Amino acid sequence: MYPAKVLKDGPPPGGKHASLNASLNASLNASLNASLNASLNAMILDANGFPGVFPKHKYEIVKRLQGLGHLCAMTGDGANAPTSSISLPSWFLSSLA
């Protein structure tokens, strides 16, 4: 039987149950992140456009598409935002000037 404090607060740090709990959480988080990344990449690839997207989200979309091997850029109101232009290669930015 476990004392009420252990049940409420969890295992003490450094105990055998604490390390098992940490490794289970780490593996669960890794598999969830991989699953979420795959489904988010699939949604981005299936989209016909991204209307009304904030500049920071445009940056994430472009970064993911480039990570999947696509050559892409962005347009719209947020294209001149500093976070958005970071995702474009410098040769592309200089050719626009």
PDB file of N, CA and C in Angstrom:
ATOM      1  N   MET A   1       0.834  -1.178   0.000  1.00  0.00           N
ATOM      2  CA  MET A   1       0.000   0.000   0.000  1.00  0.00           C
ATOM      3  C   MET A   1       0.880   1.243   0.000  1.00  0.00           C
ATOM      4  N   TYR A   2       0.528   2.221  -0.810  1.00  0.00           N
ATOM      5  CA  TYR A   2       1.280   3.467  -0.871  1.00  0.00           C
ATOM      6  C   TYR A   2       0.694   4.484   0.098  1.00  0.00           C
ATOM      7  N   PRO A   3       1.548   5.274   0.747  1.00  0.00           N
ATOM      8  CA  PRO A   3       1.035   6.356   1.589  1.00  0.00           C
ATOM      9  C   PRO A   3       0.309   7.389   0.728  1.00  0.00           C
ATOM     10  N   ALA A   4      -0.599   8.141   1.336  1.00  0.00           N
ATOM     11  CA  ALA A   4      -1.389   9.140   0.608  1.00  0.00           C
ATOM     12  C   ALA A   4      -0.506  10.174  -0.070  1.00  0.00           C
ATOM     13  N   LYS A   5       0.623  10.553   0.544  1.00  0.00           N
ATOM     14  CA  LYS A   5       1.510  11.564  -0.037  1.00  0.00           C
ATOM     15  C   LYS A   5       2.079  11.073  -1.371  1.00  0.00           C
ATOM     16  N   VAL A   6       2.454   9.812  -1.457  1.00  0.00           N
ATOM     17  CA  VAL A   6       3.003   9.265  -2.698  1.00  0.00           C
ATOM     18  C   VAL A   6       1.932   9.254  -3.780  1.00  0.00           C
ATOM     19  N   LEU A   7       0.723   8.885  -3.423  1.00  0.00           N
ATOM     20  CA  LEU A   7      -0.350   8.856  -4.407  1.00  0.00           C
ATOM     21  C   LEU A   7      -0.698  10.253  -4.901  1.00  0.00           C
ATOM     22  N   LYS A   8      -0.613  11.237  -4.000  1.00  0.00           N
ATOM     23  CA  LYS A   8      -0.953  12.611  -4.376  1.00  0.00           C
ATOM     24  C   LYS A   8       0.165  13.269  -5.173  1.00  0.00           C
ATOM     25  N   ASP A   9       1.406  13.146  -4.709  1.00  0.00           N
ATOM     26  CA  ASP A   9       2.538  13.866  -5.304  1.00  0.00           C
ATOM     27  C   ASP A   9       3.312  13.057  -6.330  1.00  0.00           C
ATOM     28  N   GLY A  10       3.053  11.782  -6.447  1.00  0.00           N
ATOM     29  CA  GLY A  10       3.815  10.957  -7.366  1.00  0.00           C
ATOM     30  C   GLY A  10       5.048  10.406  -6.687  1.00  0.00           C
ATOM     31  N   PRO A  11       5.829   9.611  -7.404  1.00  0.00           N
ATOM     32  CA  PRO A  11       7.008   8.998  -6.797  1.00  0.00           C
ATOM     33  C   PRO A  11       8.070  10.044  -6.489  1.00  0.00           C
ATOM     34  N   PRO A  12       8.893   9.789  -5.475  1.00  0.00           N
ATOM     35  CA  PRO A  12       9.951  10.744  -5.150  1.00  0.00           C
ATOM     36  C   PRO A  12      10.983  10.800  -6.273  1.00  0.00           C
ATOM     37  N   PRO A  13      11.615  11.961  -6.473  1.00  0.00           N
ATOM     38  CA  PRO A  13      12.634  12.072  -7.519  1.00  0.00           C
ATOM     39  C   PRO A  13      13.782  11.105  -7.263  1.00  0.00           C
ATOM     40  N   GLY A  14      14.271  10.496  -8.316  1.00  0.00           N
ATOM     41  CA  GLY A  14      15.400   9.583  -8.204  1.00  0.00           C
ATOM     42  C   GLY A  14      15.009   8.153  -7.899  1.00  0.00           C
ATOM     43  N   GLY A  15      13.754   7.892  -7.575  1.00  0.00           N
ATOM     44  CA  GLY A  15      13.311   6.527  -7.305  1.00  0.00           C
ATOM     45  C   GLY A  15      13.141   5.744  -8.596  1.00  0.00           C
ATOM     46  N   LYS A  16      13.009   4.417  -8.474  1.00  0.00           N
ATOM     47  CA  LYS A  16      12.895   3.590  -9.681  1.00  0.00           C
ATOM     48  C   LYS A  16      11.618   3.887 -10.458  1.00  0.00           C
ATOM     49  N   HIS A  17      10.557   4.268  -9.758  1.00  0.00           N
ATOM     50  CA  HIS A  17       9.309   4.576 -10.451  1.00  0.00           C
ATOM     51  C   HIS A  17       9.366   5.927 -11.154  1.00  0.00           C
ATOM     52  N   ALA A  18      10.139   6.858 -10.593  1.00  0.00           N
ATOM     53  CA  ALA A  18      10.254   8.176 -11.217  1.00  0.00           C
ATOM     54  C   ALA A  18      10.951   8.068 -12.569  1.00  0.00           C
ATOM     55  N   SER A  19      12.020   7.270 -12.650  1.00  0.00           N
ATOM     56  CA  SER A  19      12.734   7.144 -13.923  1.00  0.00           C
ATOM     57  C   SER A  19      11.888   6.405 -14.956  1.00  0.00           C
ATOM     58  N   LEU A  20      11.118   5.424 -14.524  1.00  0.00           N
ATOM     59  CA  LEU A  20      10.227   4.718 -15.443  1.00  0.00           C
ATOM     60  C   LEU A  20       9.155   5.664 -15.962  1.00  0.00           C
ATOM     61  N   ASN A  21       8.599   6.466 -15.070  1.00  0.00           N
ATOM     62  CA  ASN A  21       7.576   7.434 -15.447  1.00  0.00           C
ATOM     63  C   ASN A  21       8.138   8.443 -16.447  1.00  0.00           C
ATOM     64  N   ALA A  22       9.351   8.939 -16.204  1.00  0.00           N
ATOM     65  CA  ALA A  22       9.967   9.916 -17.102  1.00  0.00           C
ATOM     66  C   ALA A  22      10.226   9.311 -18.478  1.00  0.00           C
ATOM     67  N   SER A  23      10.708   8.063 -18.521  1.00  0.00           N
ATOM     68  CA  SER A  23      10.992   7.451 -19.826  1.00  0.00           C
ATOM     69  C   SER A  23       9.703   7.139 -20.583  1.00  0.00           C
ATOM     70  N   LEU A  24       8.653   6.744 -19.871  1.00  0.00           N
ATOM     71  CA  LEU A  24       7.366   6.517 -20.537  1.00  0.00           C
ATOM     72  C   LEU A  24       6.805   7.814 -21.100  1.00  0.00           C
ATOM     73  N   ASN A  25       6.895   8.890 -20.322  1.00  0.00           N
ATOM     74  CA  ASN A  25       6.422  10.188 -20.805  1.00  0.00           C
ATOM     75  C   ASN A  25       7.222  10.649 -22.010  1.00  0.00           C
ATOM     76  N   ALA A  26       8.540  10.453 -21.984  1.00  0.00           N
ATOM     77  CA  ALA A  26       9.380  10.877 -23.100  1.00  0.00           C
ATOM     78  C   ALA A  26       9.032  10.107 -24.369  1.00  0.00           C
ATOM     79  N   SER A  27       8.849   8.791 -24.265  1.00  0.00           N
ATOM     80  CA  SER A  27       8.528   8.009 -25.466  1.00  0.00           C
ATOM     81  C   SER A  27       7.122   8.327 -25.969  1.00  0.00           C
ATOM     82  N   LEU A  28       6.188   8.567 -25.055  1.00  0.00           N
ATOM     83  CA  LEU A  28       4.835   8.937 -25.462  1.00  0.00           C
ATOM     84  C   LEU A  28       4.838  10.289 -26.158  1.00  0.00           C
ATOM     85  N   ASN A  29       5.568  11.260 -25.594  1.00  0.00           N
ATOM     86  CA  ASN A  29       5.649  12.580 -26.222  1.00  0.00           C
ATOM     87  C   ASN A  29       6.300  12.503 -27.595  1.00  0.00           C
ATOM     88  N   ALA A  30       7.341  11.688 -27.737  1.00  0.00           N
ATOM     89  CA  ALA A  30       8.014  11.560 -29.030  1.00  0.00           C
ATOM     90  C   ALA A  30       7.075  10.968 -30.075  1.00  0.00           C
ATOM     91  N   SER A  31       6.316   9.938 -29.701  1.00  0.00           N
ATOM     92  CA  SER A  31       5.409   9.331 -30.681  1.00  0.00           C
ATOM     93  C   SER A  31       4.250  10.263 -31.008  1.00  0.00           C
ATOM     94  N   LEU A  32       3.759  11.012 -30.014  1.00  0.00           N
ATOM     95  CA  LEU A  32       2.696  11.980 -30.284  1.00  0.00           C
ATOM     96  C   LEU A  32       3.187  13.091 -31.194  1.00  0.00           C
ATOM     97  N   ASN A  33       4.399  13.597 -30.937  1.00  0.00           N
ATOM     98  CA  ASN A  33       4.953  14.656 -31.778  1.00  0.00           C
ATOM     99  C   ASN A  33       5.142  14.174 -33.208  1.00  0.00           C
ATOM    100  N   ALA A  34       5.630  12.957 -33.387  1.00  0.00           N
ATOM    101  CA  ALA A  34       5.813  12.419 -34.735  1.00  0.00           C
ATOM    102  C   ALA A  34       4.470  12.281 -35.441  1.00  0.00           C
ATOM    103  N   SER A  35       3.470  11.814 -34.721  1.00  0.00           N
ATOM    104  CA  SER A  35       2.139  11.656 -35.302  1.00  0.00           C
ATOM    105  C   SER A  35       1.531  13.005 -35.665  1.00  0.00           C
ATOM    106  N   LEU A  36       1.662  13.989 -34.769  1.00  0.00           N
ATOM    107  CA  LEU A  36       1.127  15.320 -35.042  1.00  0.00           C
ATOM    108  C   LEU A  36       1.854  15.982 -36.208  1.00  0.00           C
ATOM    109  N   ASN A  37       3.177  15.826 -36.271  1.00  0.00           N
ATOM    110  CA  ASN A  37       3.937  16.401 -37.382  1.00  0.00           C
ATOM    111  C   ASN A  37       3.513  15.792 -38.706  1.00  0.00           C
ATOM    112  N   ALA A  38       3.334  14.483 -38.734  1.00  0.00           N
ATOM    113  CA  ALA A  38       2.933  13.818 -39.976  1.00  0.00           C
ATOM    114  C   ALA A  38       1.552  14.276 -40.422  1.00  0.00           C
ATOM    115  N   SER A  39       0.613  14.387 -39.486  1.00  0.00           N
ATOM    116  CA  SER A  39      -0.734  14.805 -39.880  1.00  0.00           C
ATOM    117  C   SER A  39      -0.765  16.278 -40.268  1.00  0.00           C
ATOM    118  N   LEU A  40       0.035  17.117 -39.600  1.00  0.00           N
ATOM    119  CA  LEU A  40       0.093  18.530 -39.969  1.00  0.00           C
ATOM    120  C   LEU A  40       0.723  18.698 -41.345  1.00  0.00           C
ATOM    121  N   ASN A  41       1.784  17.950 -41.624  1.00  0.00           N
ATOM    122  CA  ASN A  41       2.396  18.003 -42.953  1.00  0.00           C
ATOM    123  C   ASN A  41       1.404  17.550 -44.023  1.00  0.00           C
ATOM    124  N   ALA A  42       0.628  16.515 -43.741  1.00  0.00           N
ATOM    125  CA  ALA A  42      -0.371  16.035 -44.704  1.00  0.00           C
ATOM    126  C   ALA A  42      -1.446  17.090 -44.946  1.00  0.00           C
ATOM    127  N   MET A  43      -1.881  17.777 -43.887  1.00  0.00           N
ATOM    128  CA  MET A  43      -2.894  18.828 -44.051  1.00  0.00           C
ATOM    129  C   MET A  43      -2.346  19.978 -44.886  1.00  0.00           C
ATOM    130  N   ILE A  44      -1.089  20.348 -44.668  1.00  0.00           N
ATOM    131  CA  ILE A  44      -0.482  21.441 -45.433  1.00  0.00           C
ATOM    132  C   ILE A  44      -0.370  21.050 -46.901  1.00  0.00           C
ATOM    133  N   LEU A  45       0.049  19.813 -47.170  1.00  0.00           N
ATOM    134  CA  LEU A  45       0.190  19.361 -48.554  1.00  0.00           C
ATOM    135  C   LEU A  45      -1.155  19.264 -49.269  1.00  0.00           C
ATOM    136  N   ASP A  46      -2.219  18.957 -48.548  1.00  0.00           N
ATOM    137  CA  ASP A  46      -3.545  18.812 -49.155  1.00  0.00           C
ATOM    138  C   ASP A  46      -4.280  20.135 -49.328  1.00  0.00           C
ATOM    139  N   ALA A  47      -3.791  21.206 -48.725  1.00  0.00           N
ATOM    140  CA  ALA A  47      -4.493  22.494 -48.770  1.00  0.00           C
ATOM    141  C   ALA A  47      -4.356  23.145 -50.142  1.00  0.00           C
ATOM    142  N   ASN A  48      -5.380  23.896 -50.529  1.00  0.00           N
ATOM    143  CA  ASN A  48      -5.352  24.655 -51.782  1.00  0.00           C
ATOM    144  C   ASN A  48      -4.911  26.095 -51.570  1.00  0.00           C
ATOM    145  N   GLY A  49      -4.742  26.491 -50.345  1.00  0.00           N
ATOM    146  CA  GLY A  49      -4.321  27.847 -50.011  1.00  0.00           C
ATOM    147  C   GLY A  49      -4.455  28.062 -48.522  1.00  0.00           C
ATOM    148  N   PHE A  50      -3.978  29.207 -48.065  1.00  0.00           N
ATOM    149  CA  PHE A  50      -3.997  29.516 -46.639  1.00  0.00           C
ATOM    150  C   PHE A  50      -4.473  30.952 -46.434  1.00  0.00           C
ATOM    151  N   PRO A  51      -5.759  31.229 -46.639  1.00  0.00           N
ATOM    152  CA  PRO A  51      -6.247  32.600 -46.466  1.00  0.00           C
ATOM    153  C   PRO A  51      -6.321  32.989 -44.993  1.00  0.00           C
ATOM    154  N   GLY A  52      -6.034  34.268 -44.718  1.00  0.00           N
ATOM    155  CA  GLY A  52      -6.151  34.788 -43.363  1.00  0.00           C
ATOM    156  C   GLY A  52      -5.169  34.202 -42.377  1.00  0.00           C
ATOM    157  N   VAL A  53      -3.962  33.883 -42.829  1.00  0.00           N
ATOM    158  CA  VAL A  53      -2.959  33.268 -41.966  1.00  0.00           C
ATOM    159  C   VAL A  53      -2.048  34.350 -41.396  1.00  0.00           C
ATOM    160  N   PHE A  54      -1.743  34.256 -40.106  1.00  0.00           N
ATOM    161  CA  PHE A  54      -0.826  35.199 -39.472  1.00  0.00           C
ATOM    162  C   PHE A  54       0.589  34.982 -39.999  1.00  0.00           C
ATOM    163  N   PRO A  55       1.431  36.041 -40.009  1.00  0.00           N
ATOM    164  CA  PRO A  55       2.799  35.905 -40.519  1.00  0.00           C
ATOM    165  C   PRO A  55       3.596  34.786 -39.855  1.00  0.00           C
ATOM    166  N   LYS A  56       3.459  34.609 -38.538  1.00  0.00           N
ATOM    167  CA  LYS A  56       4.227  33.544 -37.879  1.00  0.00           C
ATOM    168  C   LYS A  56       3.770  32.163 -38.347  1.00  0.00           C
ATOM    169  N   HIS A  57       2.499  32.031 -38.711  1.00  0.00           N
ATOM    170  CA  HIS A  57       2.018  30.754 -39.226  1.00  0.00           C
ATOM    171  C   HIS A  57       2.462  30.549 -40.672  1.00  0.00           C
ATOM    172  N   LYS A  58       2.542  31.653 -41.438  1.00  0.00           N
ATOM    173  CA  LYS A  58       3.078  31.545 -42.803  1.00  0.00           C
ATOM    174  C   LYS A  58       4.508  31.028 -42.758  1.00  0.00           C
ATOM    175  N   TYR A  59       5.280  31.560 -41.811  1.00  0.00           N
ATOM    176  CA  TYR A  59       6.667  31.119 -41.664  1.00  0.00           C
ATOM    177  C   TYR A  59       6.717  29.617 -41.384  1.00  0.00           C
ATOM    178  N   GLU A  60       5.858  29.126 -40.494  1.00  0.00           N
ATOM    179  CA  GLU A  60       5.830  27.701 -40.156  1.00  0.00           C
ATOM    180  C   GLU A  60       5.418  26.862 -41.361  1.00  0.00           C
ATOM    181  N   ILE A  61       4.441  27.317 -42.123  1.00  0.00           N
ATOM    182  CA  ILE A  61       3.984  26.582 -43.308  1.00  0.00           C
ATOM    183  C   ILE A  61       5.105  26.487 -44.337  1.00  0.00           C
ATOM    184  N   VAL A  62       5.765  27.618 -44.607  1.00  0.00           N
ATOM    185  CA  VAL A  62       6.863  27.627 -45.583  1.00  0.00           C
ATOM    186  C   VAL A  62       8.012  26.755 -45.096  1.00  0.00           C
ATOM    187  N   LYS A  63       8.334  26.826 -43.813  1.00  0.00           N
ATOM    188  CA  LYS A  63       9.420  26.019 -43.258  1.00  0.00           C
ATOM    189  C   LYS A  63       9.112  24.530 -43.405  1.00  0.00           C
ATOM    190  N   ARG A  64       7.867  24.142 -43.154  1.00  0.00           N
ATOM    191  CA  ARG A  64       7.493  22.730 -43.289  1.00  0.00           C
ATOM    192  C   ARG A  64       7.538  22.284 -44.752  1.00  0.00           C
ATOM    193  N   LEU A  65       7.032  23.127 -45.662  1.00  0.00           N
ATOM    194  CA  LEU A  65       7.068  22.773 -47.085  1.00  0.00           C
ATOM    195  C   LEU A  65       8.505  22.649 -47.580  1.00  0.00           C
ATOM    196  N   GLN A  66       9.378  23.561 -47.160  1.00  0.00           N
ATOM    197  CA  GLN A  66      10.778  23.474 -47.547  1.00  0.00           C
ATOM    198  C   GLN A  66      11.421  22.225 -46.959  1.00  0.00           C
ATOM    199  N   GLY A  67      11.026  21.851 -45.736  1.00  0.00           N
ATOM    200  CA  GLY A  67      11.534  20.631 -45.117  1.00  0.00           C
ATOM    201  C   GLY A  67      11.101  19.375 -45.854  1.00  0.00           C
ATOM    202  N   LEU A  68       9.972  19.462 -46.547  1.00  0.00           N
ATOM    203  CA  LEU A  68       9.483  18.333 -47.348  1.00  0.00           C
ATOM    204  C   LEU A  68      10.050  18.341 -48.765  1.00  0.00           C
ATOM    205  N   GLY A  69      10.950  19.296 -49.055  1.00  0.00           N
ATOM    206  CA  GLY A  69      11.607  19.336 -50.352  1.00  0.00           C
ATOM    207  C   GLY A  69      10.954  20.219 -51.388  1.00  0.00           C
ATOM    208  N   HIS A  70       9.995  21.041 -51.003  1.00  0.00           N
ATOM    209  CA  HIS A  70       9.314  21.933 -51.938  1.00  0.00           C
ATOM    210  C   HIS A  70      10.005  23.290 -51.975  1.00  0.00           C
ATOM    211  N   LEU A  71      10.060  23.893 -53.158  1.00  0.00           N
ATOM    212  CA  LEU A  71      10.547  25.259 -53.305  1.00  0.00           C
ATOM    213  C   LEU A  71       9.321  26.155 -53.220  1.00  0.00           C
ATOM    214  N   CYS A  72       9.269  27.019 -52.232  1.00  0.00           N
ATOM    215  CA  CYS A  72       8.065  27.822 -52.038  1.00  0.00           C
ATOM    216  C   CYS A  72       8.416  29.190 -51.474  1.00  0.00           C
ATOM    217  N   ALA A  73       7.471  30.094 -51.614  1.00  0.00           N
ATOM    218  CA  ALA A  73       7.577  31.447 -51.072  1.00  0.00           C
ATOM    219  C   ALA A  73       6.187  31.840 -50.608  1.00  0.00           C
ATOM    220  N   MET A  74       6.032  33.091 -50.168  1.00  0.00           N
ATOM    221  CA  MET A  74       4.727  33.528 -49.683  1.00  0.00           C
ATOM    222  C   MET A  74       4.404  34.915 -50.189  1.00  0.00           C
ATOM    223  N   THR A  75       3.133  35.214 -50.235  1.00  0.00           N
ATOM    224  CA  THR A  75       2.673  36.549 -50.600  1.00  0.00           C
ATOM    225  C   THR A  75       1.576  36.944 -49.632  1.00  0.00           C
ATOM    226  N   GLY A  76       1.184  38.192 -49.678  1.00  0.00           N
ATOM    227  CA  GLY A  76       0.092  38.654 -48.828  1.00  0.00           C
ATOM    228  C   GLY A  76       0.542  39.751 -47.893  1.00  0.00           C
ATOM    229  N   ASP A  77      -0.349  40.140 -47.005  1.00  0.00           N
ATOM    230  CA  ASP A  77      -0.073  41.245 -46.100  1.00  0.00           C
ATOM    231  C   ASP A  77       1.118  40.987 -45.196  1.00  0.00           C
ATOM    232  N   GLY A  78       1.356  39.751 -44.806  1.00  0.00           N
ATOM    233  CA  GLY A  78       2.437  39.446 -43.880  1.00  0.00           C
ATOM    234  C   GLY A  78       3.758  39.134 -44.549  1.00  0.00           C
ATOM    235  N   ALA A  79       3.838  39.242 -45.880  1.00  0.00           N
ATOM    236  CA  ALA A  79       5.059  38.848 -46.583  1.00  0.00           C
ATOM    237  C   ALA A  79       6.236  39.745 -46.239  1.00  0.00           C
ATOM    238  N   ASN A  80       5.974  40.985 -45.847  1.00  0.00           N
ATOM    239  CA  ASN A  80       7.065  41.891 -45.511  1.00  0.00           C
ATOM    240  C   ASN A  80       7.418  41.861 -44.035  1.00  0.00           C
ATOM    241  N   ALA A  81       6.744  41.051 -43.263  1.00  0.00           N
ATOM    242  CA  ALA A  81       7.047  40.940 -41.839  1.00  0.00           C
ATOM    243  C   ALA A  81       8.412  40.280 -41.669  1.00  0.00           C
ATOM    244  N   PRO A  82       9.184  40.699 -40.683  1.00  0.00           N
ATOM    245  CA  PRO A  82      10.530  40.133 -40.500  1.00  0.00           C
ATOM    246  C   PRO A  82      10.525  38.621 -40.323  1.00  0.00           C
ATOM    247  N   THR A  83       9.544  38.071 -39.611  1.00  0.00           N
ATOM    248  CA  THR A  83       9.537  36.618 -39.416  1.00  0.00           C
ATOM    249  C   THR A  83       9.241  35.886 -40.712  1.00  0.00           C
ATOM    250  N   SER A  84       8.519  36.506 -41.616  1.00  0.00           N
ATOM    251  CA  SER A  84       8.178  35.842 -42.873  1.00  0.00           C
ATOM    252  C   SER A  84       9.346  35.851 -43.840  1.00  0.00           C
ATOM    253  N   SER A  85      10.068  36.964 -43.920  1.00  0.00           N
ATOM    254  CA  SER A  85      11.149  37.050 -44.901  1.00  0.00           C
ATOM    255  C   SER A  85      12.343  36.197 -44.505  1.00  0.00           C
ATOM    256  N   ILE A  86      12.435  35.790 -43.254  1.00  0.00           N
ATOM    257  CA  ILE A  86      13.537  34.929 -42.836  1.00  0.00           C
ATOM    258  C   ILE A  86      13.486  33.601 -43.580  1.00  0.00           C
ATOM    259  N   SER A  87      12.299  33.134 -43.918  1.00  0.00           N
ATOM    260  CA  SER A  87      12.177  31.817 -44.520  1.00  0.00           C
ATOM    261  C   SER A  87      12.561  31.795 -45.996  1.00  0.00           C
ATOM    262  N   LEU A  88      12.705  32.950 -46.608  1.00  0.00           N
ATOM    263  CA  LEU A  88      13.087  32.993 -48.015  1.00  0.00           C
ATOM    264  C   LEU A  88      14.604  33.020 -48.144  1.00  0.00           C
ATOM    265  N   PRO A  89      15.154  32.326 -49.139  1.00  0.00           N
ATOM    266  CA  PRO A  89      16.604  32.355 -49.329  1.00  0.00           C
ATOM    267  C   PRO A  89      17.066  33.756 -49.719  1.00  0.00           C
ATOM    268  N   SER A  90      18.286  34.090 -49.350  1.00  0.00           N
ATOM    269  CA  SER A  90      18.791  35.440 -49.602  1.00  0.00           C
ATOM    270  C   SER A  90      18.860  35.750 -51.095  1.00  0.00           C
ATOM    271  N   TRP A  91      19.155  34.747 -51.947  1.00  0.00           N
ATOM    272  CA  TRP A  91      19.215  35.016 -53.389  1.00  0.00           C
ATOM    273  C   TRP A  91      17.842  35.398 -53.917  1.00  0.00           C
ATOM    274  N   PHE A  92      16.789  34.823 -53.328  1.00  0.00           N
ATOM    275  CA  PHE A  92      15.432  35.154 -53.760  1.00  0.00           C
ATOM    276  C   PHE A  92      15.083  36.579 -53.359  1.00  0.00           C
ATOM    277  N   LEU A  93      15.446  36.952 -52.135  1.00  0.00           N
ATOM    278  CA  LEU A  93      15.156  38.305 -51.660  1.00  0.00           C
ATOM    279  C   LEU A  93      15.920  39.345 -52.470  1.00  0.00           C
ATOM    280  N   SER A  94      17.184  39.046 -52.808  1.00  0.00           N
ATOM    281  CA  SER A  94      17.973  40.018 -53.562  1.00  0.00           C
ATOM    282  C   SER A  94      17.479  40.136 -55.007  1.00  0.00           C
ATOM    283  N   SER A  95      16.896  39.068 -55.557  1.00  0.00           N
ATOM    284  CA  SER A  95      16.395  39.151 -56.931  1.00  0.00           C
ATOM    285  C   SER A  95      15.109  39.966 -57.006  1.00  0.00           C
ATOM    286  N   LEU A  96      14.419  40.142 -55.876  1.00  0.00           N
ATOM    287  CA  LEU A  96      13.211  40.957 -55.850  1.00  0.00           C
ATOM    288  C   LEU A  96      13.531  42.447 -55.807  1.00  0.00           C
ATOM    289  N   ALA A  97      14.707  42.800 -55.321  1.00  0.00           N
ATOM    290  CA  ALA A  97      15.060  44.215 -55.145  1.00  0.00           C
ATOM    291  C   ALA A  97      15.378  44.888 -56.462  1.00  0.00           C
TER     292      ALA A  97
END
